[in-house]
PDB file of N, CA and C in Angstrom:
ATOM      1  N   MET A   1     127.895 114.429 105.832  1.00  0.00           N
ATOM      2  CA  MET A   1     127.437 113.348 104.990  1.00  0.00           C
ATOM      3  C   MET A   1     125.936 113.140 105.220  1.00  0.00           C
ATOM      4  N   ALA A   2     125.199 112.942 104.143  1.00  0.00           N
ATOM      5  CA  ALA A   2     123.754 112.751 104.233  1.00  0.00           C
ATOM      6  C   ALA A   2     123.428 111.398 104.866  1.00  0.00           C
ATOM      7  N   VAL A   3     122.332 111.385 105.601  1.00  0.00           N
ATOM      8  CA  VAL A   3     121.812 110.153 106.179  1.00  0.00           C
ATOM      9  C   VAL A   3     120.527 109.823 105.433  1.00  0.00           C
ATOM     10  N   TYR A   4     120.421 108.572 104.938  1.00  0.00           N
ATOM     11  CA  TYR A   4     119.254 108.144 104.176  1.00  0.00           C
ATOM     12  C   TYR A   4     118.390 107.203 105.009  1.00  0.00           C
ATOM     13  N   SER A   5     117.083 107.379 104.880  1.00  0.00           N
ATOM     14  CA  SER A   5     116.143 106.439 105.476  1.00  0.00           C
ATOM     15  C   SER A   5     115.035 106.192 104.467  1.00  0.00           C
ATOM     16  N   THR A   6     114.459 104.994 104.499  1.00  0.00           N
ATOM     17  CA  THR A   6     113.375 104.636 103.592  1.00  0.00           C
ATOM     18  C   THR A   6     112.077 104.627 104.373  1.00  0.00           C
ATOM     19  N   LEU A   7     111.084 105.343 103.848  1.00  0.00           N
ATOM     20  CA  LEU A   7     109.786 105.505 104.514  1.00  0.00           C
ATOM     21  C   LEU A   7     108.667 105.177 103.540  1.00  0.00           C
ATOM     22  N   PRO A   8     107.507 104.736 104.042  1.00  0.00           N
ATOM     23  CA  PRO A   8     106.362 104.592 103.133  1.00  0.00           C
ATOM     24  C   PRO A   8     105.874 105.972 102.695  1.00  0.00           C
ATOM     25  N   LEU A   9     105.138 106.031 101.598  1.00  0.00           N
ATOM     26  CA  LEU A   9     104.515 107.290 101.198  1.00  0.00           C
ATOM     27  C   LEU A   9     103.653 107.791 102.350  1.00  0.00           C
ATOM     28  N   SER A  10     103.687 109.079 102.638  1.00  0.00           N
ATOM     29  CA  SER A  10     102.954 109.605 103.796  1.00  0.00           C
ATOM     30  C   SER A  10     101.440 109.485 103.638  1.00  0.00           C
ATOM     31  N   GLY A  11     100.939 109.350 102.406  1.00  0.00           N
ATOM     32  CA  GLY A  11      99.505 109.171 102.180  1.00  0.00           C
ATOM     33  C   GLY A  11      99.038 107.750 102.422  1.00  0.00           C
ATOM     34  N   SER A  12      99.979 106.862 102.717  1.00  0.00           N
ATOM     35  CA  SER A  12      99.683 105.452 102.934  1.00  0.00           C
ATOM     36  C   SER A  12      99.550 105.156 104.421  1.00  0.00           C
ATOM     37  N   THR A  13      98.769 104.136 104.735  1.00  0.00           N
ATOM     38  CA  THR A  13      98.698 103.632 106.101  1.00  0.00           C
ATOM     39  C   THR A  13      99.626 102.436 106.196  1.00  0.00           C
ATOM     40  N   ASN A  14     100.759 102.627 106.858  1.00  0.00           N
ATOM     41  CA  ASN A  14     101.727 101.548 107.087  1.00  0.00           C
ATOM     42  C   ASN A  14     102.218 100.882 105.803  1.00  0.00           C
ATOM     43  N   GLY A  15     102.338 101.655 104.713  1.00  0.00           N
ATOM     44  CA  GLY A  15     102.849 101.117 103.460  1.00  0.00           C
ATOM     45  C   GLY A  15     101.809 100.443 102.583  1.00  0.00           C
ATOM     46  N   ARG A  16     100.556 100.447 103.012  1.00  0.00           N
ATOM     47  CA  ARG A  16      99.491  99.801 102.228  1.00  0.00           C
ATOM     48  C   ARG A  16      99.116 100.648 101.017  1.00  0.00           C
ATOM     49  N   PRO A  17      98.446 100.058 100.026  1.00  0.00           N
ATOM     50  CA  PRO A  17      98.060 100.803  98.819  1.00  0.00           C
ATOM     51  C   PRO A  17      97.157 101.995  99.131  1.00  0.00           C
ATOM     52  N   ILE A  18      97.265 102.999  98.289  1.00  0.00           N
ATOM     53  CA  ILE A  18      96.450 104.213  98.389  1.00  0.00           C
ATOM     54  C   ILE A  18      95.462 104.192  97.232  1.00  0.00           C
ATOM     55  N   ALA A  19      94.172 104.196  97.526  1.00  0.00           N
ATOM     56  CA  ALA A  19      93.144 104.256  96.481  1.00  0.00           C
ATOM     57  C   ALA A  19      93.100 105.679  95.926  1.00  0.00           C
ATOM     58  N   ILE A  20      93.162 105.813  94.610  1.00  0.00           N
ATOM     59  CA  ILE A  20      93.054 107.122  93.973  1.00  0.00           C
ATOM     60  C   ILE A  20      91.565 107.438  93.879  1.00  0.00           C
ATOM     61  N   LEU A  21      91.099 108.299  94.773  1.00  0.00           N
ATOM     62  CA  LEU A  21      89.675 108.600  94.869  1.00  0.00           C
ATOM     63  C   LEU A  21      89.281 109.877  94.140  1.00  0.00           C
ATOM     64  N   SER A  22      90.237 110.749  93.859  1.00  0.00           N
ATOM     65  CA  SER A  22      89.948 112.025  93.204  1.00  0.00           C
ATOM     66  C   SER A  22      89.845 111.850  91.694  1.00  0.00           C
ATOM     67  N   THR A  23      88.942 112.635  91.097  1.00  0.00           N
ATOM     68  CA  THR A  23      88.804 112.639  89.642  1.00  0.00           C
ATOM     69  C   THR A  23      89.150 114.003  89.049  1.00  0.00           C
ATOM     70  N   ALA A  24      89.658 114.908  89.881  1.00  0.00           N
ATOM     71  CA  ALA A  24      90.066 116.236  89.428  1.00  0.00           C
ATOM     72  C   ALA A  24      91.091 116.788  90.417  1.00  0.00           C
ATOM     73  N   SER A  25      91.720 117.871  90.020  1.00  0.00           N
ATOM     74  CA  SER A  25      92.713 118.529  90.865  1.00  0.00           C
ATOM     75  C   SER A  25      92.031 119.290  91.993  1.00  0.00           C
ATOM     76  N   PRO A  26      92.585 119.319  93.190  1.00  0.00           N
ATOM     77  CA  PRO A  26      93.771 118.599  93.633  1.00  0.00           C
ATOM     78  C   PRO A  26      93.442 117.130  93.861  1.00  0.00           C
ATOM     79  N   GLY A  27      94.409 116.298  93.539  1.00  0.00           N
ATOM     80  CA  GLY A  27      94.198 114.856  93.616  1.00  0.00           C
ATOM     81  C   GLY A  27      94.346 114.287  95.008  1.00  0.00           C
ATOM     82  N   THR A  28      94.247 112.972  95.085  1.00  0.00           N
ATOM     83  CA  THR A  28      94.452 112.219  96.320  1.00  0.00           C
ATOM     84  C   THR A  28      95.919 112.361  96.727  1.00  0.00           C
ATOM     85  N   THR A  29      96.172 112.651  97.998  1.00  0.00           N
ATOM     86  CA  THR A  29      97.543 112.818  98.471  1.00  0.00           C
ATOM     87  C   THR A  29      98.273 111.480  98.493  1.00  0.00           C
ATOM     88  N   LEU A  30      99.425 111.451  97.810  1.00  0.00           N
ATOM     89  CA  LEU A  30     100.306 110.293  97.866  1.00  0.00           C
ATOM     90  C   LEU A  30     101.425 110.531  98.876  1.00  0.00           C
ATOM     91  N   HIS A  31     102.006 111.743  98.842  1.00  0.00           N
ATOM     92  CA  HIS A  31     103.100 112.044  99.764  1.00  0.00           C
ATOM     93  C   HIS A  31     103.197 113.552  99.987  1.00  0.00           C
ATOM     94  N   THR A  32     103.401 113.918 101.247  1.00  0.00           N
ATOM     95  CA  THR A  32     103.662 115.299 101.619  1.00  0.00           C
ATOM     96  C   THR A  32     105.118 115.411 102.044  1.00  0.00           C
ATOM     97  N   VAL A  33     105.835 116.315 101.417  1.00  0.00           N
ATOM     98  CA  VAL A  33     107.255 116.503 101.692  1.00  0.00           C
ATOM     99  C   VAL A  33     107.419 117.267 103.012  1.00  0.00           C
ATOM    100  N   SER A  34     108.480 116.960 103.724  1.00  0.00           N
ATOM    101  CA  SER A  34     108.797 117.659 104.966  1.00  0.00           C
ATOM    102  C   SER A  34     108.925 119.159 104.697  1.00  0.00           C
ATOM    103  N   THR A  35     108.647 119.966 105.697  1.00  0.00           N
ATOM    104  CA  THR A  35     108.805 121.410 105.548  1.00  0.00           C
ATOM    105  C   THR A  35     110.236 121.860 105.846  1.00  0.00           C
ATOM    106  N   ALA A  36     111.080 120.970 106.348  1.00  0.00           N
ATOM    107  CA  ALA A  36     112.473 121.310 106.646  1.00  0.00           C
ATOM    108  C   ALA A  36     113.262 121.415 105.354  1.00  0.00           C
ATOM    109  N   THR A  37     113.851 122.565 105.083  1.00  0.00           N
ATOM    110  CA  THR A  37     114.531 122.796 103.810  1.00  0.00           C
ATOM    111  C   THR A  37     115.811 121.984 103.650  1.00  0.00           C
ATOM    112  N   ALA A  38     116.313 121.373 104.708  1.00  0.00           N
ATOM    113  CA  ALA A  38     117.518 120.544 104.606  1.00  0.00           C
ATOM    114  C   ALA A  38     117.192 119.105 104.213  1.00  0.00           C
ATOM    115  N   ILE A  39     115.915 118.782 104.048  1.00  0.00           N
ATOM    116  CA  ILE A  39     115.505 117.410 103.732  1.00  0.00           C
ATOM    117  C   ILE A  39     115.180 117.292 102.244  1.00  0.00           C
ATOM    118  N   ARG A  40     115.653 116.187 101.643  1.00  0.00           N
ATOM    119  CA  ARG A  40     115.324 115.846 100.255  1.00  0.00           C
ATOM    120  C   ARG A  40     114.585 114.522 100.272  1.00  0.00           C
ATOM    121  N   ASP A  41     113.422 114.497  99.657  1.00  0.00           N
ATOM    122  CA  ASP A  41     112.649 113.266  99.515  1.00  0.00           C
ATOM    123  C   ASP A  41     112.729 112.788  98.072  1.00  0.00           C
ATOM    124  N   HIS A  42     113.239 111.577  97.879  1.00  0.00           N
ATOM    125  CA  HIS A  42     113.266 110.931  96.569  1.00  0.00           C
ATOM    126  C   HIS A  42     112.060 109.995  96.551  1.00  0.00           C
ATOM    127  N   VAL A  43     111.042 110.356  95.766  1.00  0.00           N
ATOM    128  CA  VAL A  43     109.741 109.685  95.812  1.00  0.00           C
ATOM    129  C   VAL A  43     109.626 108.666  94.678  1.00  0.00           C
ATOM    130  N   TYR A  44     109.327 107.415  95.054  1.00  0.00           N
ATOM    131  CA  TYR A  44     109.149 106.311  94.106  1.00  0.00           C
ATOM    132  C   TYR A  44     107.714 105.793  94.245  1.00  0.00           C
ATOM    133  N   GLY A  45     107.072 105.495  93.129  1.00  0.00           N
ATOM    134  CA  GLY A  45     105.722 104.967  93.230  1.00  0.00           C
ATOM    135  C   GLY A  45     105.297 104.179  92.010  1.00  0.00           C
ATOM    136  N   TRP A  46     104.367 103.265  92.254  1.00  0.00           N
ATOM    137  CA  TRP A  46     103.800 102.400  91.223  1.00  0.00           C
ATOM    138  C   TRP A  46     102.285 102.450  91.338  1.00  0.00           C
ATOM    139  N   VAL A  47     101.604 102.251  90.217  1.00  0.00           N
ATOM    140  CA  VAL A  47     100.134 102.271  90.183  1.00  0.00           C
ATOM    141  C   VAL A  47      99.659 101.068  89.394  1.00  0.00           C
ATOM    142  N   TRP A  48      98.581 100.466  89.855  1.00  0.00           N
ATOM    143  CA  TRP A  48      97.936  99.416  89.069  1.00  0.00           C
ATOM    144  C   TRP A  48      96.451  99.729  88.943  1.00  0.00           C
ATOM    145  N   ASN A  49      95.842  99.149  87.915  1.00  0.00           N
ATOM    146  CA  ASN A  49      94.458  99.424  87.550  1.00  0.00           C
ATOM    147  C   ASN A  49      93.634  98.154  87.761  1.00  0.00           C
ATOM    148  N   GLN A  50      92.673  98.211  88.662  1.00  0.00           N
ATOM    149  CA  GLN A  50      91.798  97.063  88.953  1.00  0.00           C
ATOM    150  C   GLN A  50      90.633  96.964  87.979  1.00  0.00           C
ATOM    151  N   ALA A  51      90.396  97.998  87.192  1.00  0.00           N
ATOM    152  CA  ALA A  51      89.236  98.014  86.292  1.00  0.00           C
ATOM    153  C   ALA A  51      89.485  97.152  85.053  1.00  0.00           C
ATOM    154  N   THR A  52      88.424  96.899  84.315  1.00  0.00           N
ATOM    155  CA  THR A  52      88.529  96.106  83.083  1.00  0.00           C
ATOM    156  C   THR A  52      88.784  96.983  81.860  1.00  0.00           C
ATOM    157  N   THR A  53      88.876  98.293  82.054  1.00  0.00           N
ATOM    158  CA  THR A  53      89.208  99.223  80.970  1.00  0.00           C
ATOM    159  C   THR A  53      90.373 100.104  81.419  1.00  0.00           C
ATOM    160  N   GLN A  54      91.112 100.628  80.450  1.00  0.00           N
ATOM    161  CA  GLN A  54      92.234 101.498  80.792  1.00  0.00           C
ATOM    162  C   GLN A  54      91.747 102.771  81.474  1.00  0.00           C
ATOM    163  N   SER A  55      92.631 103.397  82.232  1.00  0.00           N
ATOM    164  CA  SER A  55      92.304 104.639  82.939  1.00  0.00           C
ATOM    165  C   SER A  55      93.433 105.633  82.762  1.00  0.00           C
ATOM    166  N   GLU A  56      93.072 106.902  82.725  1.00  0.00           N
ATOM    167  CA  GLU A  56      94.089 107.943  82.714  1.00  0.00           C
ATOM    168  C   GLU A  56      94.392 108.352  84.141  1.00  0.00           C
ATOM    169  N   LEU A  57      95.671 108.541  84.403  1.00  0.00           N
ATOM    170  CA  LEU A  57      96.154 108.970  85.707  1.00  0.00           C
ATOM    171  C   LEU A  57      96.919 110.264  85.522  1.00  0.00           C
ATOM    172  N   THR A  58      96.642 111.237  86.363  1.00  0.00           N
ATOM    173  CA  THR A  58      97.416 112.473  86.366  1.00  0.00           C
ATOM    174  C   THR A  58      98.130 112.585  87.701  1.00  0.00           C
ATOM    175  N   ILE A  59      99.446 112.694  87.640  1.00  0.00           N
ATOM    176  CA  ILE A  59     100.272 112.903  88.825  1.00  0.00           C
ATOM    177  C   ILE A  59     100.519 114.395  88.946  1.00  0.00           C
ATOM    178  N   GLU A  60     100.312 114.940  90.128  1.00  0.00           N
ATOM    179  CA  GLU A  60     100.623 116.338  90.413  1.00  0.00           C
ATOM    180  C   GLU A  60     101.902 116.351  91.254  1.00  0.00           C
ATOM    181  N   TRP A  61     103.002 116.716  90.623  1.00  0.00           N
ATOM    182  CA  TRP A  61     104.335 116.612  91.207  1.00  0.00           C
ATOM    183  C   TRP A  61     104.681 117.894  91.961  1.00  0.00           C
ATOM    184  N   GLY A  62     104.238 117.993  93.214  1.00  0.00           N
ATOM    185  CA  GLY A  62     104.599 119.116  94.068  1.00  0.00           C
ATOM    186  C   GLY A  62     103.665 120.303  94.020  1.00  0.00           C
ATOM    187  N   GLY A  63     102.767 120.350  93.065  1.00  0.00           N
ATOM    188  CA  GLY A  63     101.828 121.460  92.942  1.00  0.00           C
ATOM    189  C   GLY A  63     100.658 121.047  92.072  1.00  0.00           C
ATOM    190  N   THR A  64      99.779 122.002  91.773  1.00  0.00           N
ATOM    191  CA  THR A  64      98.582 121.668  91.003  1.00  0.00           C
ATOM    192  C   THR A  64      98.495 122.407  89.669  1.00  0.00           C
ATOM    193  N   SER A  65      99.513 123.180  89.305  1.00  0.00           N
ATOM    194  CA  SER A  65      99.466 123.888  88.018  1.00  0.00           C
ATOM    195  C   SER A  65      99.719 122.903  86.879  1.00  0.00           C
ATOM    196  N   THR A  66      99.424 123.316  85.667  1.00  0.00           N
ATOM    197  CA  THR A  66      99.636 122.475  84.495  1.00  0.00           C
ATOM    198  C   THR A  66     101.091 122.034  84.390  1.00  0.00           C
ATOM    199  N   LEU A  67     102.017 122.891  84.747  1.00  0.00           N
ATOM    200  CA  LEU A  67     103.443 122.569  84.704  1.00  0.00           C
ATOM    201  C   LEU A  67     103.789 121.407  85.632  1.00  0.00           C
ATOM    202  N   ASP A  68     103.048 121.227  86.715  1.00  0.00           N
ATOM    203  CA  ASP A  68     103.305 120.178  87.696  1.00  0.00           C
ATOM    204  C   ASP A  68     102.630 118.853  87.353  1.00  0.00           C
ATOM    205  N   GLN A  69     101.830 118.801  86.295  1.00  0.00           N
ATOM    206  CA  GLN A  69     101.015 117.622  86.017  1.00  0.00           C
ATOM    207  C   GLN A  69     101.604 116.730  84.921  1.00  0.00           C
ATOM    208  N   MET A  70     101.592 115.427  85.183  1.00  0.00           N
ATOM    209  CA  MET A  70     101.997 114.418  84.203  1.00  0.00           C
ATOM    210  C   MET A  70     100.807 113.486  84.029  1.00  0.00           C
ATOM    211  N   THR A  71     100.362 113.258  82.805  1.00  0.00           N
ATOM    212  CA  THR A  71      99.223 112.376  82.556  1.00  0.00           C
ATOM    213  C   THR A  71      99.702 111.120  81.833  1.00  0.00           C
ATOM    214  N   LEU A  72      99.250 109.969  82.352  1.00  0.00           N
ATOM    215  CA  LEU A  72      99.649 108.670  81.803  1.00  0.00           C
ATOM    216  C   LEU A  72      98.410 107.818  81.608  1.00  0.00           C
ATOM    217  N   THR A  73      98.489 106.863  80.697  1.00  0.00           N
ATOM    218  CA  THR A  73      97.419 105.890  80.521  1.00  0.00           C
ATOM    219  C   THR A  73      97.859 104.593  81.181  1.00  0.00           C
ATOM    220  N   ILE A  74      97.023 104.076  82.086  1.00  0.00           N
ATOM    221  CA  ILE A  74      97.326 102.849  82.813  1.00  0.00           C
ATOM    222  C   ILE A  74      96.411 101.746  82.272  1.00  0.00           C
ATOM    223  N   PRO A  75      96.989 100.722  81.629  1.00  0.00           N
ATOM    224  CA  PRO A  75      96.181  99.635  81.077  1.00  0.00           C
ATOM    225  C   PRO A  75      95.405  98.881  82.156  1.00  0.00           C
ATOM    226  N   ALA A  76      94.345  98.237  81.742  1.00  0.00           N
ATOM    227  CA  ALA A  76      93.512  97.451  82.666  1.00  0.00           C
ATOM    228  C   ALA A  76      94.228  96.181  83.091  1.00  0.00           C
ATOM    229  N   ARG A  77      94.215  95.905  84.365  1.00  0.00           N
ATOM    230  CA  ARG A  77      94.687  94.637  84.940  1.00  0.00           C
ATOM    231  C   ARG A  77      95.959  94.100  84.280  1.00  0.00           C
ATOM    232  N   ASP A  78      96.977  94.944  84.261  1.00  0.00           N
ATOM    233  CA  ASP A  78      98.215  94.576  83.573  1.00  0.00           C
ATOM    234  C   ASP A  78      99.444  94.750  84.467  1.00  0.00           C
ATOM    235  N   GLY A  79      99.273  94.661  85.773  1.00  0.00           N
ATOM    236  CA  GLY A  79     100.403  94.798  86.689  1.00  0.00           C
ATOM    237  C   GLY A  79     100.613  96.233  87.141  1.00  0.00           C
ATOM    238  N   ALA A  80     101.673  96.423  87.872  1.00  0.00           N
ATOM    239  CA  ALA A  80     101.992  97.741  88.427  1.00  0.00           C
ATOM    240  C   ALA A  80     102.917  98.501  87.477  1.00  0.00           C
ATOM    241  N   TYR A  81     102.636  99.776  87.282  1.00  0.00           N
ATOM    242  CA  TYR A  81     103.422 100.645  86.418  1.00  0.00           C
ATOM    243  C   TYR A  81     104.149 101.681  87.252  1.00  0.00           C
ATOM    244  N   ALA A  82     105.446 101.854  86.995  1.00  0.00           N
ATOM    245  CA  ALA A  82     106.231 102.880  87.679  1.00  0.00           C
ATOM    246  C   ALA A  82     105.763 104.248  87.205  1.00  0.00           C
ATOM    247  N   VAL A  83     105.359 105.105  88.143  1.00  0.00           N
ATOM    248  CA  VAL A  83     104.864 106.434  87.783  1.00  0.00           C
ATOM    249  C   VAL A  83     105.606 107.550  88.511  1.00  0.00           C
ATOM    250  N   LEU A  84     106.300 107.232  89.594  1.00  0.00           N
ATOM    251  CA  LEU A  84     107.091 108.216  90.329  1.00  0.00           C
ATOM    252  C   LEU A  84     108.543 107.761  90.256  1.00  0.00           C
ATOM    253  N   PRO A  85     109.392 108.532  89.596  1.00  0.00           N
ATOM    254  CA  PRO A  85     110.716 108.063  89.209  1.00  0.00           C
ATOM    255  C   PRO A  85     111.826 108.182  90.242  1.00  0.00           C
ATOM    256  N   GLY A  86     111.527 108.619  91.441  1.00  0.00           N
ATOM    257  CA  GLY A  86     112.584 108.780  92.430  1.00  0.00           C
ATOM    258  C   GLY A  86     113.264 110.133  92.364  1.00  0.00           C
ATOM    259  N   ALA A  87     112.688 111.056  91.635  1.00  0.00           N
ATOM    260  CA  ALA A  87     113.243 112.401  91.571  1.00  0.00           C
ATOM    261  C   ALA A  87     113.106 113.076  92.934  1.00  0.00           C
ATOM    262  N   ALA A  88     114.008 113.999  93.222  1.00  0.00           N
ATOM    263  CA  ALA A  88     114.042 114.640  94.537  1.00  0.00           C
ATOM    264  C   ALA A  88     113.114 115.847  94.604  1.00  0.00           C
ATOM    265  N   LEU A  89     112.453 115.953  95.723  1.00  0.00           N
ATOM    266  CA  LEU A  89     111.723 117.165  96.090  1.00  0.00           C
ATOM    267  C   LEU A  89     112.371 117.672  97.376  1.00  0.00           C
ATOM    268  N   ILE A  90     112.680 118.952  97.410  1.00  0.00           N
ATOM    269  CA  ILE A  90     113.365 119.528  98.559  1.00  0.00           C
ATOM    270  C   ILE A  90     112.337 120.112  99.501  1.00  0.00           C
ATOM    271  N   GLY A  91     112.549 119.885 100.803  1.00  0.00           N
ATOM    272  CA  GLY A  91     111.610 120.326 101.833  1.00  0.00           C
ATOM    273  C   GLY A  91     111.179 121.773 101.690  1.00  0.00           C
ATOM    274  N   ALA A  92     109.894 121.996 101.749  1.00  0.00           N
ATOM    275  CA  ALA A  92     109.292 123.326 101.681  1.00  0.00           C
ATOM    276  C   ALA A  92     107.821 123.188 102.034  1.00  0.00           C
ATOM    277  N   THR A  93     107.201 124.281 102.380  1.00  0.00           N
ATOM    278  CA  THR A  93     105.784 124.274 102.714  1.00  0.00           C
ATOM    279  C   THR A  93     104.949 124.017 101.469  1.00  0.00           C
ATOM    280  N   ASP A  94     103.921 123.186 101.606  1.00  0.00           N
ATOM    281  CA  ASP A  94     102.936 122.906 100.551  1.00  0.00           C
ATOM    282  C   ASP A  94     103.494 122.176  99.337  1.00  0.00           C
ATOM    283  N   ILE A  95     104.508 121.338  99.523  1.00  0.00           N
ATOM    284  CA  ILE A  95     104.981 120.482  98.441  1.00  0.00           C
ATOM    285  C   ILE A  95     104.341 119.110  98.649  1.00  0.00           C
ATOM    286  N   VAL A  96     103.382 118.787  97.794  1.00  0.00           N
ATOM    287  CA  VAL A  96     102.613 117.553  97.937  1.00  0.00           C
ATOM    288  C   VAL A  96     102.556 116.857  96.580  1.00  0.00           C
ATOM    289  N   VAL A  97     102.736 115.541  96.583  1.00  0.00           N
ATOM    290  CA  VAL A  97     102.568 114.728  95.383  1.00  0.00           C
ATOM    291  C   VAL A  97     101.164 114.143  95.468  1.00  0.00           C
ATOM    292  N   ARG A  98     100.360 114.417  94.439  1.00  0.00           N
ATOM    293  CA  ARG A  98      98.966 113.960  94.411  1.00  0.00           C
ATOM    294  C   ARG A  98      98.693 113.238  93.099  1.00  0.00           C
ATOM    295  N   ALA A  99      97.541 112.567  93.051  1.00  0.00           N
ATOM    296  CA  ALA A  99      97.134 111.897  91.812  1.00  0.00           C
ATOM    297  C   ALA A  99      95.612 111.917  91.692  1.00  0.00           C
ATOM    298  N   PHE A 100      95.135 112.029  90.438  1.00  0.00           N
ATOM    299  CA  PHE A 100      93.705 111.854  90.171  1.00  0.00           C
ATOM    300  C   PHE A 100      93.541 111.047  88.900  1.00  0.00           C
ATOM    301  N   ALA A 101      92.370 110.453  88.739  1.00  0.00           N
ATOM    302  CA  ALA A 101      92.130 109.526  87.628  1.00  0.00           C
ATOM    303  C   ALA A 101      90.796 109.820  86.956  1.00  0.00           C
ATOM    304  N   THR A 102      90.537 109.121  85.864  1.00  0.00           N
ATOM    305  CA  THR A 102      89.295 109.314  85.115  1.00  0.00           C
ATOM    306  C   THR A 102      88.082 108.794  85.873  1.00  0.00           C
ATOM    307  N   ALA A 103      88.279 107.873  86.784  1.00  0.00           N
ATOM    308  CA  ALA A 103      87.177 107.339  87.592  1.00  0.00           C
ATOM    309  C   ALA A 103      87.719 107.040  88.985  1.00  0.00           C
ATOM    310  N   THR A 104      86.852 107.083  89.958  1.00  0.00           N
ATOM    311  CA  THR A 104      87.266 106.857  91.337  1.00  0.00           C
ATOM    312  C   THR A 104      87.438 105.376  91.655  1.00  0.00           C
ATOM    313  N   ASN A 105      88.368 105.084  92.522  1.00  0.00           N
ATOM    314  CA  ASN A 105      88.549 103.743  93.104  1.00  0.00           C
ATOM    315  C   ASN A 105      88.881 102.656  92.081  1.00  0.00           C
ATOM    316  N   ARG A 106      89.553 103.032  90.983  1.00  0.00           N
ATOM    317  CA  ARG A 106      90.030 102.069  89.977  1.00  0.00           C
ATOM    318  C   ARG A 106      91.520 101.838  90.105  1.00  0.00           C
ATOM    319  N   LEU A 107      92.229 102.936  90.379  1.00  0.00           N
ATOM    320  CA  LEU A 107      93.683 102.910  90.434  1.00  0.00           C
ATOM    321  C   LEU A 107      94.150 102.920  91.885  1.00  0.00           C
ATOM    322  N   PHE A 108      95.240 102.188  92.117  1.00  0.00           N
ATOM    323  CA  PHE A 108      95.796 102.075  93.471  1.00  0.00           C
ATOM    324  C   PHE A 108      97.301 102.299  93.380  1.00  0.00           C
ATOM    325  N   ALA A 109      97.840 103.060  94.330  1.00  0.00           N
ATOM    326  CA  ALA A 109      99.258 103.410  94.316  1.00  0.00           C
ATOM    327  C   ALA A 109      99.958 102.879  95.561  1.00  0.00           C
ATOM    328  N   PHE A 110     101.219 102.545  95.385  1.00  0.00           N
ATOM    329  CA  PHE A 110     102.070 102.231  96.524  1.00  0.00           C
ATOM    330  C   PHE A 110     103.471 102.692  96.187  1.00  0.00           C
ATOM    331  N   GLY A 111     104.313 102.819  97.186  1.00  0.00           N
ATOM    332  CA  GLY A 111     105.673 103.256  96.933  1.00  0.00           C
ATOM    333  C   GLY A 111     106.406 103.551  98.221  1.00  0.00           C
ATOM    334  N   HIS A 112     107.514 104.248  98.061  1.00  0.00           N
ATOM    335  CA  HIS A 112     108.314 104.618  99.222  1.00  0.00           C
ATOM    336  C   HIS A 112     109.083 105.902  98.932  1.00  0.00           C
ATOM    337  N   VAL A 113     109.677 106.436  99.978  1.00  0.00           N
ATOM    338  CA  VAL A 113     110.474 107.641  99.894  1.00  0.00           C
ATOM    339  C   VAL A 113     111.852 107.341 100.466  1.00  0.00           C
ATOM    340  N   ASP A 114     112.888 107.668  99.732  1.00  0.00           N
ATOM    341  CA  ASP A 114     114.232 107.654 100.289  1.00  0.00           C
ATOM    342  C   ASP A 114     114.503 109.073 100.736  1.00  0.00           C
ATOM    343  N   ARG A 115     114.568 109.273 102.036  1.00  0.00           N
ATOM    344  CA  ARG A 115     114.728 110.621 102.613  1.00  0.00           C
ATOM    345  C   ARG A 115     116.186 110.848 102.987  1.00  0.00           C
ATOM    346  N   ALA A 116     116.724 111.951 102.489  1.00  0.00           N
ATOM    347  CA  ALA A 116     118.088 112.354 102.811  1.00  0.00           C
ATOM    348  C   ALA A 116     118.026 113.544 103.763  1.00  0.00           C
ATOM    349  N   THR A 117     118.705 113.409 104.888  1.00  0.00           N
ATOM    350  CA  THR A 117     118.732 114.504 105.872  1.00  0.00           C
ATOM    351  C   THR A 117     120.154 114.952 106.112  1.00  0.00           C
TER     352      THR A 117
END
């Protein structure tokens, strides 16, 4: 039977928000998946925009190719938007969830990981 634990995103310091500082790929690290192949990380995340204008956010889901990228528009000062749906990533080397935006230090992310071992 799987054992579940809830952890902050590994790119966070003690669960605090992560400033999206990158404006191109590879983006700011939100979470690095364990290298143990028996581990599944279900990654959840939200982003809010502190700027007075909307910003585009690109999530890199496990890699940096076009296939791994999801681009969203985050409205200005309108609360937190769910951007990481809790989908599972299975442990492997170099599986990282990253994000970049149209401008630096506008968007901030927070979230958690439900880890199944």
